[in-house]
Structure formats: C-alpha cells, structure tokens
C-alpha cells in the first residue's frame, strides 16, 4: 500500500480545521420585489363578504408556502434556472357599510418569478439512507439544491375592483395551501381585491461537498437577482434589506447587560 502523505489540520495561526460534509453555496442572490396589484382569491364564504364590501384595508401579509423547481439552462453549462411560486395569505379588514365595524377575512395571492444562478457541474450519483432517496437520473446529471428564504412580507395597500370575468390563480394550489384556508379557493366573482406587498428573498444554489474549512462569518449575497419584475414601488424601494432577519446575531455579539433574564422558565 503506498504511503499517504499526512497533512496537518492546523493553519499558520494554530487554529484547527475540520473536514466536513457541507452544503457549499455555489451562487446566491438577494432581492426585494414590490408585488403590485396582485389579485386575491377567497373561499366561498369570504368571497360573499367581498361581494358585499364597500371598501377594504390591508392588515398584514404572510408567506404560506413556496414551490421551487431547478432546471439546467440550455447551452449555458453549469447555470440553472430557479423557478419559484410564492403563496401569500393576505389579511384584510372588509367594510360592508360606512359606519359598520370591519370584518377580517383572509385570501390567497400567488406570485411566480425566475432567477438564473450558477450551480456547478455534477455527474455523481448520491444515495443516502434517507427515505426520499430516489433512483439515479437517466441523463446522468445531478442537479444542485435550491434554497429560498423569504422574510415577513410587508403589507402596503389593497383596493376593491370590479371583476369582468371569473378567474383562478395561474399556478396550481397545493393541498397544504387549501388546508390553510380551511376550504377550496373559488374563482373571483363580481368583486375582487388587488393587493400590493413588498417581499425580501434570498435564493441559493448549493451542492453537498467534502471540505476542509475554518469558521467564518455569514455569507451575505452581494448581487441582485435578475428578475422579470420591472415596476418598482417608490415607497418599497427605499426600504433597506433586512439582513438581521436572515442572520441573527451570535451569542458573542450580544451585550450581556441587555440579555433578557426573565424567560418564563
């Protein structure tokens, strides 16, 4: 058996490094989208409330689910398209008369976007003991994994509009979204709601690799996603990217004098 050279796992400063099986981020981008006048869809009962409304006011917006698909980009080796479909809950105060108290209803808005990122080339078949491990791809190509992080959406505005013809979201509604609203989403009827929200996202393409690596700080994307959304909202464009929501401070960065000691334990 040939001699295998032994390499020290300590750097020049004496700090120790470790060989780890890690998800290496090959490419990433951060973006903020002002999603203007998205149609809101409701269950049958809530749609009847909207049909009788005289005005609406947006209360909040929440992310319910995001469906992500990754596909190779033709003639661009190593690049992949990441198609994302976001499902939002839009919470509204609905007024059915001038002096009445508002009724709170929730509806569904759907938004889709695509970004192109570099994910490297991989032709290695990976099998694990996880229950979702599948057969090898017949094309012999392994796709990188896409990770999408979405911060709490910012509710901006909502308005009532007359609906010329019934319509449904262009994307399929997952079962978990239907269950979230407690019933089937119905086509928009006589009246519909258009909502505008602001969304912050980080998209990453990563592969599992073996690396000898020391510890560094958080890796924050340094470029914008290339997106088809080109109608920015002035108010939303002035909001800074909420880095602290994606990367909470380490314990060493927290002032011990400001740590809450009454945690209810």
C-alpha atoms as a PDB file:
ATOM      1  CA  UNK A   1       0.000   0.000   0.000  1.00  0.00           C
ATOM      2  CA  UNK A   2       1.533   3.380  -0.981  1.00  0.00           C
ATOM      3  CA  UNK A   3       2.327   5.890   1.710  1.00  0.00           C
ATOM      4  CA  UNK A   4      -0.369   8.549   2.077  1.00  0.00           C
ATOM      5  CA  UNK A   5       1.014  11.987   2.953  1.00  0.00           C
ATOM      6  CA  UNK A   6      -0.323  13.303   6.234  1.00  0.00           C
ATOM      7  CA  UNK A   7      -1.440  16.910   6.147  1.00  0.00           C
ATOM      8  CA  UNK A   8      -1.746  18.949   9.283  1.00  0.00           C
ATOM      9  CA  UNK A   9      -5.237  20.216  10.050  1.00  0.00           C
ATOM     10  CA  UNK A  10      -3.933  23.345  11.746  1.00  0.00           C
ATOM     11  CA  UNK A  11      -3.374  26.625   9.904  1.00  0.00           C
ATOM     12  CA  UNK A  12      -0.475  29.014  10.329  1.00  0.00           C
ATOM     13  CA  UNK A  13      -2.161  30.625  13.339  1.00  0.00           C
ATOM     14  CA  UNK A  14      -2.535  27.295  15.098  1.00  0.00           C
ATOM     15  CA  UNK A  15      -6.320  27.216  14.664  1.00  0.00           C
ATOM     16  CA  UNK A  16      -7.755  23.792  13.963  1.00  0.00           C
ATOM     17  CA  UNK A  17      -9.753  22.984  10.829  1.00  0.00           C
ATOM     18  CA  UNK A  18     -12.096  20.060  10.230  1.00  0.00           C
ATOM     19  CA  UNK A  19     -13.142  18.008   7.224  1.00  0.00           C
ATOM     20  CA  UNK A  20     -16.915  18.318   6.926  1.00  0.00           C
ATOM     21  CA  UNK A  21     -19.655  17.162   4.597  1.00  0.00           C
ATOM     22  CA  UNK A  22     -21.297  20.508   3.868  1.00  0.00           C
ATOM     23  CA  UNK A  23     -23.713  22.253   1.540  1.00  0.00           C
ATOM     24  CA  UNK A  24     -21.472  24.609  -0.405  1.00  0.00           C
ATOM     25  CA  UNK A  25     -23.286  27.643  -1.808  1.00  0.00           C
ATOM     26  CA  UNK A  26     -22.137  27.992  -5.438  1.00  0.00           C
ATOM     27  CA  UNK A  27     -24.187  31.092  -6.198  1.00  0.00           C
ATOM     28  CA  UNK A  28     -26.778  33.242  -4.466  1.00  0.00           C
ATOM     29  CA  UNK A  29     -28.675  36.482  -4.854  1.00  0.00           C
ATOM     30  CA  UNK A  30     -30.812  38.722  -2.691  1.00  0.00           C
ATOM     31  CA  UNK A  31     -33.787  40.657  -3.971  1.00  0.00           C
ATOM     32  CA  UNK A  32     -36.697  42.815  -2.911  1.00  0.00           C
ATOM     33  CA  UNK A  33     -39.830  42.803  -5.050  1.00  0.00           C
ATOM     34  CA  UNK A  34     -42.739  45.179  -4.914  1.00  0.00           C
ATOM     35  CA  UNK A  35     -45.628  42.950  -5.978  1.00  0.00           C
ATOM     36  CA  UNK A  36     -48.156  45.463  -7.229  1.00  0.00           C
ATOM     37  CA  UNK A  37     -51.894  44.806  -7.541  1.00  0.00           C
ATOM     38  CA  UNK A  38     -51.898  41.036  -7.117  1.00  0.00           C
ATOM     39  CA  UNK A  39     -55.372  39.550  -7.320  1.00  0.00           C
ATOM     40  CA  UNK A  40     -56.587  38.000  -4.067  1.00  0.00           C
ATOM     41  CA  UNK A  41     -58.690  34.819  -4.130  1.00  0.00           C
ATOM     42  CA  UNK A  42     -61.021  33.641  -1.365  1.00  0.00           C
ATOM     43  CA  UNK A  43     -63.074  30.719  -0.143  1.00  0.00           C
ATOM     44  CA  UNK A  44     -66.773  30.708  -0.991  1.00  0.00           C
ATOM     45  CA  UNK A  45     -67.858  32.284   2.317  1.00  0.00           C
ATOM     46  CA  UNK A  46     -65.229  35.034   2.250  1.00  0.00           C
ATOM     47  CA  UNK A  47     -65.916  35.801  -1.415  1.00  0.00           C
ATOM     48  CA  UNK A  48     -69.527  36.579  -0.490  1.00  0.00           C
ATOM     49  CA  UNK A  49     -68.220  39.067   2.079  1.00  0.00           C
ATOM     50  CA  UNK A  50     -66.081  40.707  -0.607  1.00  0.00           C
ATOM     51  CA  UNK A  51     -69.085  40.911  -2.970  1.00  0.00           C
ATOM     52  CA  UNK A  52     -70.918  42.991  -0.326  1.00  0.00           C
ATOM     53  CA  UNK A  53     -67.925  45.188   0.577  1.00  0.00           C
ATOM     54  CA  UNK A  54     -67.749  48.943   0.069  1.00  0.00           C
ATOM     55  CA  UNK A  55     -64.045  49.218   0.955  1.00  0.00           C
ATOM     56  CA  UNK A  56     -61.114  47.138   2.195  1.00  0.00           C
ATOM     57  CA  UNK A  57     -57.922  47.811   4.109  1.00  0.00           C
ATOM     58  CA  UNK A  58     -54.915  45.509   4.140  1.00  0.00           C
ATOM     59  CA  UNK A  59     -53.937  44.361   7.617  1.00  0.00           C
ATOM     60  CA  UNK A  60     -50.977  42.043   7.010  1.00  0.00           C
ATOM     61  CA  UNK A  61     -49.402  39.594   4.585  1.00  0.00           C
ATOM     62  CA  UNK A  62     -47.870  36.202   5.383  1.00  0.00           C
ATOM     63  CA  UNK A  63     -45.953  33.635   3.359  1.00  0.00           C
ATOM     64  CA  UNK A  64     -47.708  30.248   3.375  1.00  0.00           C
ATOM     65  CA  UNK A  65     -45.618  28.153   1.001  1.00  0.00           C
ATOM     66  CA  UNK A  66     -43.043  28.378  -1.795  1.00  0.00           C
ATOM     67  CA  UNK A  67     -42.714  25.779  -4.543  1.00  0.00           C
ATOM     68  CA  UNK A  68     -39.205  25.662  -6.043  1.00  0.00           C
ATOM     69  CA  UNK A  69     -38.038  23.912  -9.229  1.00  0.00           C
ATOM     70  CA  UNK A  70     -34.496  23.750 -10.643  1.00  0.00           C
ATOM     71  CA  UNK A  71     -33.671  23.056 -14.302  1.00  0.00           C
ATOM     72  CA  UNK A  72     -30.434  23.325 -16.339  1.00  0.00           C
ATOM     73  CA  UNK A  73     -30.147  26.301 -18.676  1.00  0.00           C
ATOM     74  CA  UNK A  74     -29.667  25.134 -22.265  1.00  0.00           C
ATOM     75  CA  UNK A  75     -26.276  25.999 -23.811  1.00  0.00           C
ATOM     76  CA  UNK A  76     -25.062  27.523 -20.517  1.00  0.00           C
ATOM     77  CA  UNK A  77     -23.097  24.780 -18.800  1.00  0.00           C
ATOM     78  CA  UNK A  78     -23.273  24.967 -15.023  1.00  0.00           C
ATOM     79  CA  UNK A  79     -26.125  27.505 -14.917  1.00  0.00           C
ATOM     80  CA  UNK A  80     -29.625  26.687 -13.708  1.00  0.00           C
ATOM     81  CA  UNK A  81     -32.999  28.383 -13.661  1.00  0.00           C
ATOM     82  CA  UNK A  82     -34.722  28.526 -10.280  1.00  0.00           C
ATOM     83  CA  UNK A  83     -38.477  28.844 -10.687  1.00  0.00           C
ATOM     84  CA  UNK A  84     -40.297  29.932  -7.540  1.00  0.00           C
ATOM     85  CA  UNK A  85     -44.029  30.149  -6.911  1.00  0.00           C
ATOM     86  CA  UNK A  86     -44.926  32.053  -3.744  1.00  0.00           C
ATOM     87  CA  UNK A  87     -48.268  31.595  -1.979  1.00  0.00           C
ATOM     88  CA  UNK A  88     -49.248  34.511   0.268  1.00  0.00           C
ATOM     89  CA  UNK A  89     -52.019  34.976   2.807  1.00  0.00           C
ATOM     90  CA  UNK A  90     -53.490  38.479   2.504  1.00  0.00           C
ATOM     91  CA  UNK A  91     -55.383  39.535   5.646  1.00  0.00           C
ATOM     92  CA  UNK A  92     -57.969  42.270   5.064  1.00  0.00           C
ATOM     93  CA  UNK A  93     -60.363  44.424   7.054  1.00  0.00           C
ATOM     94  CA  UNK A  94     -63.571  44.438   4.993  1.00  0.00           C
ATOM     95  CA  UNK A  95     -66.186  47.186   5.447  1.00  0.00           C
ATOM     96  CA  UNK A  96     -69.707  46.351   4.230  1.00  0.00           C
ATOM     97  CA  UNK A  97     -71.165  49.768   5.109  1.00  0.00           C
ATOM     98  CA  UNK A  98     -69.886  53.204   6.011  1.00  0.00           C
ATOM     99  CA  UNK A  99     -70.458  53.007   9.767  1.00  0.00           C
ATOM    100  CA  UNK A 100     -70.060  49.292  10.393  1.00  0.00           C
ATOM    101  CA  UNK A 101     -67.171  47.584  12.137  1.00  0.00           C
ATOM    102  CA  UNK A 102     -64.791  45.785   9.763  1.00  0.00           C
ATOM    103  CA  UNK A 103     -64.852  42.040   9.253  1.00  0.00           C
ATOM    104  CA  UNK A 104     -61.472  40.312   8.961  1.00  0.00           C
ATOM    105  CA  UNK A 105     -61.058  37.887   6.061  1.00  0.00           C
ATOM    106  CA  UNK A 106     -58.037  36.129   4.563  1.00  0.00           C
ATOM    107  CA  UNK A 107     -57.355  35.440   0.913  1.00  0.00           C
ATOM    108  CA  UNK A 108     -54.715  33.894  -1.325  1.00  0.00           C
ATOM    109  CA  UNK A 109     -52.311  35.680  -3.679  1.00  0.00           C
ATOM    110  CA  UNK A 110     -49.824  33.878  -5.932  1.00  0.00           C
ATOM    111  CA  UNK A 111     -46.617  35.231  -7.461  1.00  0.00           C
ATOM    112  CA  UNK A 112     -44.063  33.456  -9.653  1.00  0.00           C
ATOM    113  CA  UNK A 113     -40.525  34.505 -10.524  1.00  0.00           C
ATOM    114  CA  UNK A 114     -37.393  33.013 -12.099  1.00  0.00           C
ATOM    115  CA  UNK A 115     -33.710  33.675 -11.461  1.00  0.00           C
ATOM    116  CA  UNK A 116     -30.607  32.248 -13.163  1.00  0.00           C
ATOM    117  CA  UNK A 117     -27.730  31.146 -10.918  1.00  0.00           C
ATOM    118  CA  UNK A 118     -24.522  29.171 -11.271  1.00  0.00           C
ATOM    119  CA  UNK A 119     -24.731  25.746  -9.655  1.00  0.00           C
ATOM    120  CA  UNK A 120     -21.618  23.973 -10.928  1.00  0.00           C
ATOM    121  CA  UNK A 121     -21.459  20.666 -12.793  1.00  0.00           C
ATOM    122  CA  UNK A 122     -22.226  17.415 -11.068  1.00  0.00           C
ATOM    123  CA  UNK A 123     -22.346  13.911 -12.550  1.00  0.00           C
ATOM    124  CA  UNK A 124     -22.025  11.998  -9.296  1.00  0.00           C
ATOM    125  CA  UNK A 125     -24.947   9.848  -8.182  1.00  0.00           C
ATOM    126  CA  UNK A 126     -25.606  10.353  -4.465  1.00  0.00           C
ATOM    127  CA  UNK A 127     -27.553   7.802  -2.428  1.00  0.00           C
ATOM    128  CA  UNK A 128     -28.371   8.092   1.263  1.00  0.00           C
ATOM    129  CA  UNK A 129     -30.378   6.240   3.892  1.00  0.00           C
ATOM    130  CA  UNK A 130     -32.994   8.979   3.844  1.00  0.00           C
ATOM    131  CA  UNK A 131     -36.482   7.701   2.884  1.00  0.00           C
ATOM    132  CA  UNK A 132     -36.799  10.118  -0.054  1.00  0.00           C
ATOM    133  CA  UNK A 133     -33.643   8.823  -1.791  1.00  0.00           C
ATOM    134  CA  UNK A 134     -34.563   8.076  -5.424  1.00  0.00           C
ATOM    135  CA  UNK A 135     -33.115   6.263  -8.411  1.00  0.00           C
ATOM    136  CA  UNK A 136     -30.355   7.823 -10.469  1.00  0.00           C
ATOM    137  CA  UNK A 137     -31.261  10.376 -13.129  1.00  0.00           C
ATOM    138  CA  UNK A 138     -31.250   8.641 -16.575  1.00  0.00           C
ATOM    139  CA  UNK A 139     -29.433  11.673 -18.014  1.00  0.00           C
ATOM    140  CA  UNK A 140     -26.595  11.149 -15.557  1.00  0.00           C
ATOM    141  CA  UNK A 141     -26.755  14.735 -14.324  1.00  0.00           C
ATOM    142  CA  UNK A 142     -27.209  15.713 -10.696  1.00  0.00           C
ATOM    143  CA  UNK A 143     -28.998  18.975 -10.019  1.00  0.00           C
ATOM    144  CA  UNK A 144     -27.931  21.412  -7.316  1.00  0.00           C
ATOM    145  CA  UNK A 145     -30.338  22.118  -4.479  1.00  0.00           C
ATOM    146  CA  UNK A 146     -32.140  25.452  -4.394  1.00  0.00           C
ATOM    147  CA  UNK A 147     -32.857  27.137  -1.087  1.00  0.00           C
ATOM    148  CA  UNK A 148     -35.251  30.092  -0.921  1.00  0.00           C
ATOM    149  CA  UNK A 149     -35.583  32.244   2.204  1.00  0.00           C
ATOM    150  CA  UNK A 150     -38.445  34.719   2.487  1.00  0.00           C
ATOM    151  CA  UNK A 151     -38.699  37.407   5.161  1.00  0.00           C
ATOM    152  CA  UNK A 152     -42.036  38.553   6.591  1.00  0.00           C
ATOM    153  CA  UNK A 153     -43.826  40.289   3.679  1.00  0.00           C
ATOM    154  CA  UNK A 154     -44.615  43.980   4.066  1.00  0.00           C
ATOM    155  CA  UNK A 155     -48.311  44.796   3.553  1.00  0.00           C
ATOM    156  CA  UNK A 156     -48.576  48.017   1.527  1.00  0.00           C
ATOM    157  CA  UNK A 157     -52.101  48.567   0.169  1.00  0.00           C
ATOM    158  CA  UNK A 158     -55.264  46.900  -1.114  1.00  0.00           C
ATOM    159  CA  UNK A 159     -58.294  48.038  -3.110  1.00  0.00           C
ATOM    160  CA  UNK A 160     -61.602  46.723  -4.430  1.00  0.00           C
ATOM    161  CA  UNK A 161     -62.125  46.272  -8.162  1.00  0.00           C
ATOM    162  CA  UNK A 162     -64.922  45.055 -10.405  1.00  0.00           C
ATOM    163  CA  UNK A 163     -64.237  41.603 -11.853  1.00  0.00           C
ATOM    164  CA  UNK A 164     -65.020  41.345 -15.567  1.00  0.00           C
ATOM    165  CA  UNK A 165     -64.871  37.543 -15.667  1.00  0.00           C
ATOM    166  CA  UNK A 166     -64.191  34.772 -13.139  1.00  0.00           C
ATOM    167  CA  UNK A 167     -60.543  33.667 -12.914  1.00  0.00           C
ATOM    168  CA  UNK A 168     -58.307  31.486 -10.781  1.00  0.00           C
ATOM    169  CA  UNK A 169     -54.590  31.667  -9.913  1.00  0.00           C
ATOM    170  CA  UNK A 170     -52.400  30.691 -12.865  1.00  0.00           C
ATOM    171  CA  UNK A 171     -50.427  28.222 -10.707  1.00  0.00           C
ATOM    172  CA  UNK A 172     -51.793  25.052  -9.141  1.00  0.00           C
ATOM    173  CA  UNK A 173     -52.786  25.427  -5.490  1.00  0.00           C
ATOM    174  CA  UNK A 174     -51.002  22.875  -3.243  1.00  0.00           C
ATOM    175  CA  UNK A 175     -53.122  20.868  -0.820  1.00  0.00           C
ATOM    176  CA  UNK A 176     -51.387  22.456   2.176  1.00  0.00           C
ATOM    177  CA  UNK A 177     -52.491  25.910   0.983  1.00  0.00           C
ATOM    178  CA  UNK A 178     -56.110  24.761   0.590  1.00  0.00           C
ATOM    179  CA  UNK A 179     -55.992  23.258   4.073  1.00  0.00           C
ATOM    180  CA  UNK A 180     -54.528  26.504   5.434  1.00  0.00           C
ATOM    181  CA  UNK A 181     -57.674  28.400   4.384  1.00  0.00           C
ATOM    182  CA  UNK A 182     -59.990  25.637   5.567  1.00  0.00           C
ATOM    183  CA  UNK A 183     -61.715  25.175   2.218  1.00  0.00           C
ATOM    184  CA  UNK A 184     -61.398  25.348  -1.546  1.00  0.00           C
ATOM    185  CA  UNK A 185     -60.437  28.622  -3.212  1.00  0.00           C
ATOM    186  CA  UNK A 186     -63.170  29.739  -5.627  1.00  0.00           C
ATOM    187  CA  UNK A 187     -62.886  31.864  -8.793  1.00  0.00           C
ATOM    188  CA  UNK A 188     -63.095  35.634  -8.348  1.00  0.00           C
ATOM    189  CA  UNK A 189     -66.656  36.865  -8.800  1.00  0.00           C
ATOM    190  CA  UNK A 190     -68.440  40.226  -9.080  1.00  0.00           C
ATOM    191  CA  UNK A 191     -65.842  41.969  -6.976  1.00  0.00           C
ATOM    192  CA  UNK A 192     -62.196  41.244  -6.406  1.00  0.00           C
ATOM    193  CA  UNK A 193     -59.335  42.621  -4.313  1.00  0.00           C
ATOM    194  CA  UNK A 194     -55.964  43.788  -5.612  1.00  0.00           C
ATOM    195  CA  UNK A 195     -53.188  43.804  -3.009  1.00  0.00           C
ATOM    196  CA  UNK A 196     -49.683  45.283  -3.118  1.00  0.00           C
ATOM    197  CA  UNK A 197     -46.998  43.829  -0.866  1.00  0.00           C
ATOM    198  CA  UNK A 198     -43.214  44.026  -0.523  1.00  0.00           C
ATOM    199  CA  UNK A 199     -41.127  40.854  -0.335  1.00  0.00           C
ATOM    200  CA  UNK A 200     -37.472  40.232   0.577  1.00  0.00           C
ATOM    201  CA  UNK A 201     -35.886  36.979  -0.628  1.00  0.00           C
ATOM    202  CA  UNK A 202     -32.534  35.191  -0.715  1.00  0.00           C
ATOM    203  CA  UNK A 203     -32.023  32.425  -3.295  1.00  0.00           C
ATOM    204  CA  UNK A 204     -29.111  29.975  -3.121  1.00  0.00           C
ATOM    205  CA  UNK A 205     -27.889  27.073  -5.254  1.00  0.00           C
ATOM    206  CA  UNK A 206     -25.865  24.560  -3.257  1.00  0.00           C
ATOM    207  CA  UNK A 207     -24.285  21.111  -3.530  1.00  0.00           C
ATOM    208  CA  UNK A 208     -23.079  18.722  -0.840  1.00  0.00           C
ATOM    209  CA  UNK A 209     -19.263  18.532  -0.896  1.00  0.00           C
ATOM    210  CA  UNK A 210     -16.421  17.498   1.417  1.00  0.00           C
ATOM    211  CA  UNK A 211     -14.430  20.493   2.586  1.00  0.00           C
ATOM    212  CA  UNK A 212     -11.580  21.302   4.963  1.00  0.00           C
ATOM    213  CA  UNK A 213     -12.760  24.616   6.266  1.00  0.00           C
ATOM    214  CA  UNK A 214     -12.337  27.004   9.196  1.00  0.00           C
ATOM    215  CA  UNK A 215     -15.231  29.057  10.557  1.00  0.00           C
ATOM    216  CA  UNK A 216     -16.019  32.439   9.001  1.00  0.00           C
ATOM    217  CA  UNK A 217     -18.840  34.987   9.236  1.00  0.00           C
ATOM    218  CA  UNK A 218     -22.220  34.849   7.462  1.00  0.00           C
ATOM    219  CA  UNK A 219     -22.157  34.862   3.639  1.00  0.00           C
ATOM    220  CA  UNK A 220     -24.487  37.671   2.511  1.00  0.00           C
ATOM    221  CA  UNK A 221     -25.277  37.842  -1.259  1.00  0.00           C
ATOM    222  CA  UNK A 222     -23.598  40.757  -2.995  1.00  0.00           C
ATOM    223  CA  UNK A 223     -25.715  40.992  -6.146  1.00  0.00           C
ATOM    224  CA  UNK A 224     -29.354  41.424  -7.144  1.00  0.00           C
ATOM    225  CA  UNK A 225     -31.442  38.641  -8.656  1.00  0.00           C
ATOM    226  CA  UNK A 226     -32.206  39.016 -12.357  1.00  0.00           C
ATOM    227  CA  UNK A 227     -35.994  39.126 -12.408  1.00  0.00           C
ATOM    228  CA  UNK A 228     -38.771  39.997 -14.805  1.00  0.00           C
ATOM    229  CA  UNK A 229     -40.408  42.364 -12.298  1.00  0.00           C
ATOM    230  CA  UNK A 230     -39.624  45.883 -13.566  1.00  0.00           C
ATOM    231  CA  UNK A 231     -42.319  48.027 -11.931  1.00  0.00           C
ATOM    232  CA  UNK A 232     -40.792  49.142  -8.598  1.00  0.00           C
ATOM    233  CA  UNK A 233     -42.861  50.917  -5.970  1.00  0.00           C
ATOM    234  CA  UNK A 234     -41.297  54.136  -4.726  1.00  0.00           C
ATOM    235  CA  UNK A 235     -42.133  53.523  -1.105  1.00  0.00           C
ATOM    236  CA  UNK A 236     -40.818  49.954  -1.060  1.00  0.00           C
ATOM    237  CA  UNK A 237     -37.650  50.792  -2.983  1.00  0.00           C
ATOM    238  CA  UNK A 238     -36.466  52.981  -0.083  1.00  0.00           C
ATOM    239  CA  UNK A 239     -36.582  50.116   2.448  1.00  0.00           C
ATOM    240  CA  UNK A 240     -33.196  48.571   3.301  1.00  0.00           C
ATOM    241  CA  UNK A 241     -32.682  44.829   3.013  1.00  0.00           C
ATOM    242  CA  UNK A 242     -33.405  43.284   6.484  1.00  0.00           C
ATOM    243  CA  UNK A 243     -30.121  41.394   6.907  1.00  0.00           C
ATOM    244  CA  UNK A 244     -30.725  40.913  10.641  1.00  0.00           C
ATOM    245  CA  UNK A 245     -33.894  38.863   9.951  1.00  0.00           C
ATOM    246  CA  UNK A 246     -31.934  36.309   7.932  1.00  0.00           C
ATOM    247  CA  UNK A 247     -28.795  36.307  10.089  1.00  0.00           C
ATOM    248  CA  UNK A 248     -29.497  36.647  13.851  1.00  0.00           C
ATOM    249  CA  UNK A 249     -26.520  37.796  15.955  1.00  0.00           C
ATOM    250  CA  UNK A 250     -24.193  35.257  17.553  1.00  0.00           C
ATOM    251  CA  UNK A 251     -24.208  34.953  21.343  1.00  0.00           C
ATOM    252  CA  UNK A 252     -20.746  36.554  21.420  1.00  0.00           C
ATOM    253  CA  UNK A 253     -22.125  39.649  19.632  1.00  0.00           C
ATOM    254  CA  UNK A 254     -24.889  40.265  22.198  1.00  0.00           C
ATOM    255  CA  UNK A 255     -24.301  42.709  25.046  1.00  0.00           C
ATOM    256  CA  UNK A 256     -24.725  40.592  28.226  1.00  0.00           C
ATOM    257  CA  UNK A 257     -26.196  43.624  30.022  1.00  0.00           C
ATOM    258  CA  UNK A 258     -29.096  43.689  27.508  1.00  0.00           C
ATOM    259  CA  UNK A 259     -29.980  39.981  27.620  1.00  0.00           C
ATOM    260  CA  UNK A 260     -33.488  39.320  28.947  1.00  0.00           C
ATOM    261  CA  UNK A 261     -33.266  37.096  32.020  1.00  0.00           C
ATOM    262  CA  UNK A 262     -36.985  36.670  32.602  1.00  0.00           C
ATOM    263  CA  UNK A 263     -37.807  33.932  30.029  1.00  0.00           C
ATOM    264  CA  UNK A 264     -40.700  32.436  31.959  1.00  0.00           C
ATOM    265  CA  UNK A 265     -38.844  29.185  32.709  1.00  0.00           C
END
